[in-house]
Amino acid sequence: MTRLFTDRAAALDIEQVRAFDTVILKLSQNVETFARAALARSLAGITQGPEHVLHDLALDPDSSVAAPVLARGQPIADATLVRVAHLCGQDHLYALSRRRRLSERVTDVLVTRGDGEVVRSVAGNTGARFSEAGFTALTAHARLDAALAEILEIRRDIPPDHMAQLLAIAKSRAAERLIGEFAPDAVDAALTTATRDLAGPEARRARTDGAVVSRKAVAAQETSEQQIVAWVDAGKVSDALVALARAAAVPPEMVFRAYEAQAYDPLLFLIRSVRFGWGTLKHFIQSKPGKPPLPEEMNGAFEAFQALSVTTAQRVVRFTATRDHAQSTDVA
């Protein structure tokens, strides 16, 4: 029955969809969990799925059933999403946080009930909307979560007063880290070592006479967009990031930090600011260590890329670089 519906979904009118909705709902409530999970995966990608079936699957206590439709299923009423956010566990909330569009009613609950992973995920979701109370909660979380603070700093809808708080948090954190861990004359060497290691063992630079190979080697080569992509494809991610930093006229450590960030937005702003294409951003995202991005994550990144203007990206990159420079100057 599900295959019959999915094969014909695009050609069905509203009444026909409702008929399938009634039948599939009755059948799906009397099958085992693994079958309901398979049903959820099948229906999650349908543009206009059977509403009552999706509602039922979204409220399933087993996250293997609920997660696919919470992340992608359309349509699901906002009231259902709010109910899930209030009642369900962290696996449900994480799936919900990745949904392409989220209202303030839903995010208000996610930022109060969600764990760190959920909060970072929803904060990095460009389709999520936050109320004043939601931004207040996010800013409070950011005081204890540096990764969350970096995600929030590049959101385009952060209210000015919350952005001021985030900048103060970042300044304080940078001062504590550098003063606590490094002598002033060791900061540059530490940053060089960090940029070498961030991309993983396969991208670490060779050593010559006990020193990291100079970044002048990259500067002397052609750094066109095509060359940068070629380096990424060859596993030379560190070289590609240094070249991107040169193209954007920002410090390499800023670009490595963007690449390491859990959200894709910092990298998106850098690549858009130098007028590189979607393909370049896609190569960088796919080269990141860990689990490969899900299709819906890539779709979200593509939509964000299309929506972001070069002018806005350049303004954000300049602002971030200026802020980082001011912080380092203050610390020194």
Protein backbone atom coordinates (compact mmCIF):
# COMPACT_ATOMS: atom_id res chain seq x y z
CA MET A 1 0.00 0.00 0.00
CA THR A 2 2.86 2.37 0.83
CA ARG A 3 4.61 1.64 -2.45
CA LEU A 4 1.37 2.26 -4.33
CA PHE A 5 1.03 5.62 -2.60
CA THR A 6 4.66 6.74 -3.03
CA ASP A 7 4.69 5.73 -6.70
CA ARG A 8 1.61 7.85 -7.42
CA ALA A 9 1.88 10.60 -4.79
CA ALA A 10 2.79 13.38 -7.21
CA ALA A 11 -0.33 12.76 -9.32
CA LEU A 12 -2.85 12.35 -6.48
CA ASP A 13 -5.38 15.02 -5.56
CA ILE A 14 -6.30 15.95 -1.98
CA GLU A 15 -9.19 13.50 -1.67
CA GLN A 16 -7.08 10.60 -2.96
CA VAL A 17 -4.31 11.42 -0.49
CA ARG A 18 -6.87 11.41 2.33
CA ALA A 19 -8.09 7.99 1.25
CA PHE A 20 -4.58 6.57 1.38
CA ASP A 21 -4.08 8.36 4.72
CA THR A 22 -7.07 6.54 6.27
CA VAL A 23 -6.07 3.10 5.01
CA ILE A 24 -2.33 3.33 5.76
CA LEU A 25 -2.99 4.73 9.24
CA LYS A 26 -5.20 1.76 10.18
CA LEU A 27 -2.74 -0.77 8.78
CA SER A 28 0.36 0.86 10.29
CA GLN A 29 -0.99 0.81 13.83
CA ASN A 30 -0.95 -2.99 13.89
CA VAL A 31 2.56 -3.77 12.66
CA GLU A 32 5.92 -4.22 14.39
CA THR A 33 8.34 -1.38 15.09
CA PHE A 34 10.76 -2.27 12.29
CA ALA A 35 7.89 -2.07 9.76
CA ARG A 36 6.74 1.30 11.12
CA ALA A 37 10.33 2.56 10.86
CA ALA A 38 10.47 1.46 7.22
CA LEU A 39 7.14 3.19 6.62
CA ALA A 40 8.48 6.40 8.19
CA ARG A 41 11.54 6.38 5.97
CA SER A 42 9.39 5.84 2.88
CA LEU A 43 7.00 8.69 3.66
CA ALA A 44 9.53 11.21 4.97
CA GLY A 45 10.67 12.24 1.51
CA ILE A 46 7.17 12.79 0.07
CA THR A 47 6.37 16.48 -0.44
CA GLN A 48 2.76 16.09 0.70
CA GLY A 49 2.50 12.92 2.76
CA PRO A 50 -0.57 11.48 4.51
CA GLU A 51 -1.07 13.89 7.40
CA HIS A 52 -2.61 11.58 10.00
CA VAL A 53 -0.06 8.83 9.36
CA LEU A 54 2.81 11.30 9.77
CA HIS A 55 1.26 12.62 12.99
CA ASP A 56 1.03 9.07 14.35
CA LEU A 57 4.60 8.21 13.37
CA ALA A 58 5.98 11.45 14.81
CA LEU A 59 4.56 10.58 18.22
CA ASP A 60 5.92 7.03 18.23
CA PRO A 61 8.02 6.48 21.39
CA ASP A 62 10.69 4.68 19.32
CA SER A 63 13.02 7.22 17.71
CA SER A 64 13.77 4.90 14.77
CA VAL A 65 10.14 5.42 13.77
CA ALA A 66 9.71 9.06 14.71
CA ALA A 67 13.06 10.55 13.63
CA PRO A 68 12.66 10.37 9.82
CA VAL A 69 9.29 12.14 9.79
CA LEU A 70 10.29 14.63 12.48
CA ALA A 71 13.30 15.68 10.43
CA ARG A 72 11.68 15.67 6.96
CA GLY A 73 8.01 14.66 6.96
CA GLN A 74 5.51 17.08 5.38
CA PRO A 75 2.97 18.08 6.50
CA ILE A 76 3.01 17.81 10.30
CA ALA A 77 0.96 20.29 12.31
CA ASP A 78 2.88 22.70 14.53
CA ALA A 79 0.84 21.49 17.50
CA THR A 80 2.19 17.98 16.96
CA LEU A 81 5.78 19.24 16.80
CA VAL A 82 5.29 21.22 20.01
CA ARG A 83 3.87 18.14 21.70
CA VAL A 84 6.89 16.07 20.64
CA ALA A 85 9.24 18.79 21.90
CA HIS A 86 7.50 18.78 25.30
CA LEU A 87 7.12 15.04 25.82
CA CYS A 88 9.77 13.07 23.95
CA GLY A 89 13.43 12.23 24.53
CA GLN A 90 16.63 13.71 23.18
CA ASP A 91 16.75 11.53 20.03
CA HIS A 92 13.33 12.83 19.04
CA LEU A 93 14.37 16.39 19.84
CA TYR A 94 17.57 16.12 17.80
CA ALA A 95 15.65 14.89 14.75
CA LEU A 96 13.15 17.71 15.23
CA SER A 97 15.96 20.28 15.49
CA ARG A 98 17.07 19.41 11.94
CA ARG A 99 13.68 20.12 10.39
CA ARG A 100 13.88 22.54 7.46
CA ARG A 101 11.44 25.01 9.01
CA LEU A 102 10.78 25.48 12.74
CA SER A 103 8.47 28.01 14.37
CA GLU A 104 9.19 29.99 17.51
CA ARG A 105 6.70 27.81 19.43
CA VAL A 106 8.83 24.75 18.73
CA THR A 107 12.27 26.29 19.21
CA ASP A 108 11.23 27.81 22.56
CA VAL A 109 10.84 24.25 23.85
CA LEU A 110 13.91 22.82 22.12
CA VAL A 111 16.29 25.37 23.65
CA THR A 112 14.97 24.69 27.16
CA ARG A 113 14.54 20.88 27.05
CA GLY A 114 17.28 19.94 24.59
CA ASP A 115 20.76 18.79 25.55
CA GLY A 116 23.90 20.43 24.14
CA GLU A 117 23.74 18.55 20.85
CA VAL A 118 20.11 19.50 20.30
CA VAL A 119 20.67 23.15 21.16
CA ARG A 120 23.68 23.45 18.85
CA SER A 121 21.76 21.73 16.07
CA VAL A 122 18.73 24.01 16.26
CA ALA A 123 20.95 27.09 16.63
CA GLY A 124 22.71 26.15 13.40
CA ASN A 125 19.44 25.55 11.55
CA THR A 126 18.93 28.55 9.25
CA GLY A 127 15.26 27.66 8.88
CA ALA A 128 14.58 27.89 12.63
CA ARG A 129 12.97 31.01 14.03
CA PHE A 130 13.49 32.13 17.63
CA SER A 131 11.52 34.34 19.99
CA GLU A 132 13.14 36.86 22.31
CA ALA A 133 12.91 34.26 25.06
CA GLY A 134 14.52 31.70 22.77
CA PHE A 135 17.47 33.98 22.01
CA THR A 136 17.85 34.71 25.72
CA ALA A 137 18.05 30.98 26.47
CA LEU A 138 20.55 30.42 23.64
CA THR A 139 22.77 33.24 24.88
CA ALA A 140 22.70 31.76 28.37
CA HIS A 141 23.73 28.35 27.00
CA ALA A 142 26.52 30.00 24.99
CA ARG A 143 28.24 31.18 28.17
CA LEU A 144 29.15 27.54 28.87
CA ASP A 145 29.36 26.25 25.28
CA ALA A 146 32.01 27.79 23.01
CA ALA A 147 30.84 25.84 19.95
CA LEU A 148 27.30 27.16 20.40
CA ALA A 149 28.59 30.70 20.77
CA GLU A 150 30.41 30.46 17.43
CA ILE A 151 27.27 29.11 15.74
CA LEU A 152 25.17 31.96 17.11
CA GLU A 153 27.64 34.66 16.11
CA ILE A 154 27.03 34.07 12.42
CA ARG A 155 23.23 33.84 12.55
CA ARG A 156 21.77 36.72 10.57
CA ASP A 157 18.74 37.19 12.85
CA ILE A 158 20.52 37.66 16.18
CA PRO A 159 19.15 40.79 17.91
CA PRO A 160 21.82 43.47 18.52
CA ASP A 161 21.69 43.20 22.31
CA HIS A 162 22.24 39.43 22.18
CA MET A 163 25.07 39.85 19.66
CA ALA A 164 26.75 42.27 22.06
CA GLN A 165 26.52 39.67 24.82
CA LEU A 166 27.97 36.99 22.53
CA LEU A 167 30.90 39.21 21.59
CA ALA A 168 31.58 39.89 25.25
CA ILE A 169 31.47 36.15 25.97
CA ALA A 170 33.86 35.44 23.09
CA LYS A 171 36.25 38.15 24.21
CA SER A 172 36.33 36.85 27.76
CA ARG A 173 36.76 33.25 26.63
CA ALA A 174 39.62 34.16 24.27
CA ALA A 175 41.42 36.09 26.98
CA GLU A 176 41.09 33.27 29.50
CA ARG A 177 42.26 30.66 27.02
CA LEU A 178 45.31 32.52 25.75
CA ILE A 179 46.42 33.93 29.07
CA GLY A 180 45.86 30.63 30.85
CA GLU A 181 47.54 28.35 28.34
CA PHE A 182 50.14 30.28 26.38
CA ALA A 183 52.96 32.63 27.00
CA PRO A 184 52.67 35.66 24.67
CA ASP A 185 55.65 34.61 22.57
CA ALA A 186 54.17 31.10 22.08
CA VAL A 187 50.74 32.09 20.74
CA ASP A 188 51.78 32.19 17.07
CA ALA A 189 53.52 28.82 17.26
CA ALA A 190 50.49 27.28 18.98
CA LEU A 191 48.14 28.56 16.27
CA THR A 192 50.41 27.14 13.58
CA THR A 193 50.36 23.73 15.27
CA ALA A 194 46.59 23.88 15.73
CA THR A 195 45.92 24.66 12.07
CA ARG A 196 48.14 21.77 11.07
CA ASP A 197 46.22 19.29 13.23
CA LEU A 198 42.59 20.39 12.91
CA ALA A 199 41.88 18.63 9.62
CA GLY A 200 42.96 15.23 10.97
CA PRO A 201 46.03 13.01 10.69
CA GLU A 202 45.77 12.60 6.92
CA ALA A 203 46.12 16.35 6.41
CA ARG A 204 49.03 16.99 8.81
CA ARG A 205 52.03 18.72 7.29
CA ALA A 206 55.41 17.05 7.06
CA ARG A 207 58.13 18.35 9.33
CA THR A 208 61.43 19.74 8.12
CA ASP A 209 64.22 20.04 10.71
CA GLY A 210 61.64 19.70 13.45
CA ALA A 211 59.48 22.63 12.21
CA VAL A 212 56.13 22.76 10.41
CA VAL A 213 56.54 23.35 6.66
CA SER A 214 56.06 27.05 5.98
CA ARG A 215 52.72 28.23 4.70
CA LYS A 216 54.72 30.19 2.11
CA ALA A 217 54.73 26.98 0.07
CA VAL A 218 51.00 27.38 -0.45
CA ALA A 219 51.29 31.10 -1.05
CA ALA A 220 53.73 30.48 -3.90
CA GLN A 221 51.29 28.23 -5.77
CA GLU A 222 48.26 29.00 -7.88
CA THR A 223 45.27 29.37 -5.58
CA SER A 224 42.36 29.47 -7.98
CA GLU A 225 39.05 27.98 -6.96
CA GLN A 226 39.82 24.92 -9.10
CA GLN A 227 43.15 24.40 -7.35
CA ILE A 228 41.53 24.65 -3.92
CA VAL A 229 38.94 22.03 -4.88
CA ALA A 230 41.71 19.81 -6.26
CA TRP A 231 43.56 20.01 -2.93
CA VAL A 232 40.39 19.04 -1.06
CA ASP A 233 39.83 16.07 -3.37
CA ALA A 234 43.46 14.99 -2.89
CA GLY A 235 43.09 15.03 0.89
CA LYS A 236 45.22 18.16 1.29
CA VAL A 237 42.55 19.95 3.28
CA SER A 238 45.04 22.02 5.27
CA ASP A 239 46.52 23.44 2.07
CA ALA A 240 43.05 24.18 0.75
CA LEU A 241 42.05 25.99 3.96
CA VAL A 242 45.19 28.10 3.98
CA ALA A 243 44.54 29.01 0.33
CA LEU A 244 40.94 29.93 1.18
CA ALA A 245 42.24 32.16 3.97
CA ARG A 246 44.51 33.94 1.47
CA ALA A 247 41.61 34.41 -0.96
CA ALA A 248 39.39 35.84 1.80
CA ALA A 249 42.24 37.92 3.29
CA VAL A 250 41.65 36.55 6.78
CA PRO A 251 43.92 34.71 9.26
CA PRO A 252 44.24 30.95 8.58
CA GLU A 253 43.16 30.10 12.12
CA MET A 254 39.79 31.75 11.42
CA VAL A 255 39.25 29.47 8.41
CA PHE A 256 40.35 26.34 10.27
CA ARG A 257 37.93 27.23 13.06
CA ALA A 258 35.11 27.59 10.50
CA TYR A 259 35.96 24.20 9.01
CA GLU A 260 36.01 22.55 12.44
CA ALA A 261 32.67 24.08 13.51
CA GLN A 262 29.72 21.71 13.79
CA ALA A 263 27.47 24.00 11.72
CA TYR A 264 28.24 24.69 8.06
CA ASP A 265 27.40 28.40 8.22
CA PRO A 266 30.91 29.75 9.09
CA LEU A 267 32.38 27.96 6.06
CA LEU A 268 29.45 29.08 3.93
CA PHE A 269 30.10 32.75 4.70
CA LEU A 270 33.80 32.47 3.88
CA ILE A 271 33.26 30.69 0.56
CA ARG A 272 30.43 32.98 -0.50
CA SER A 273 32.46 36.07 0.43
CA VAL A 274 35.10 35.23 -2.21
CA ARG A 275 32.42 34.42 -4.83
CA PHE A 276 33.26 30.72 -4.97
CA GLY A 277 30.52 28.36 -6.13
CA TRP A 278 28.27 25.85 -4.39
CA GLY A 279 30.46 22.98 -5.64
CA THR A 280 33.40 24.27 -3.61
CA LEU A 281 31.37 24.47 -0.42
CA LYS A 282 30.01 20.98 -1.11
CA HIS A 283 33.54 19.55 -1.44
CA PHE A 284 34.60 21.11 1.87
CA ILE A 285 31.48 19.82 3.68
CA GLN A 286 31.94 16.30 2.33
CA SER A 287 35.62 16.30 3.37
CA LYS A 288 34.84 17.02 7.04
CA PRO A 289 35.72 14.16 9.41
CA GLY A 290 32.96 12.09 10.96
CA LYS A 291 29.67 10.88 9.53
CA PRO A 292 28.89 12.02 5.98
CA PRO A 293 26.20 14.72 5.79
CA LEU A 294 22.62 13.56 5.26
CA PRO A 295 20.80 14.57 2.05
CA GLU A 296 18.53 16.96 3.94
CA GLU A 297 21.58 18.64 5.47
CA MET A 298 23.10 19.16 2.03
CA ASN A 299 19.78 20.50 0.76
CA GLY A 300 19.65 22.93 3.66
CA ALA A 301 23.23 24.06 3.00
CA PHE A 302 22.42 24.57 -0.69
CA GLU A 303 19.34 26.64 0.12
CA ALA A 304 21.36 28.76 2.56
CA PHE A 305 24.06 29.24 -0.09
CA GLN A 306 21.48 30.38 -2.63
CA ALA A 307 19.84 32.77 -0.18
CA LEU A 308 23.07 34.38 1.07
CA SER A 309 24.24 37.42 -0.91
CA VAL A 310 27.94 38.01 -1.54
CA THR A 311 27.66 41.45 0.05
CA THR A 312 26.21 40.06 3.28
CA ALA A 313 28.82 37.29 3.41
CA GLN A 314 31.65 39.80 2.93
CA ARG A 315 30.25 42.04 5.66
CA VAL A 316 30.02 39.15 8.14
CA VAL A 317 33.54 37.91 7.31
CA ARG A 318 35.01 41.41 7.74
CA PHE A 319 33.16 41.85 11.01
CA THR A 320 34.37 38.49 12.37
CA ALA A 321 37.98 39.10 11.30
CA THR A 322 37.96 42.59 12.84
CA ARG A 323 36.46 41.27 16.07
CA ASP A 324 39.06 38.48 16.31
CA HIS A 325 41.88 40.95 15.66
CA ALA A 326 40.56 43.30 18.34
CA GLN A 327 40.35 40.44 20.82
CA SER A 328 43.90 39.32 20.13
CA THR A 329 45.11 42.91 20.46
CA ASP A 330 43.30 43.33 23.78
CA VAL A 331 44.78 40.09 25.08
CA ALA A 332 48.28 41.09 24.01
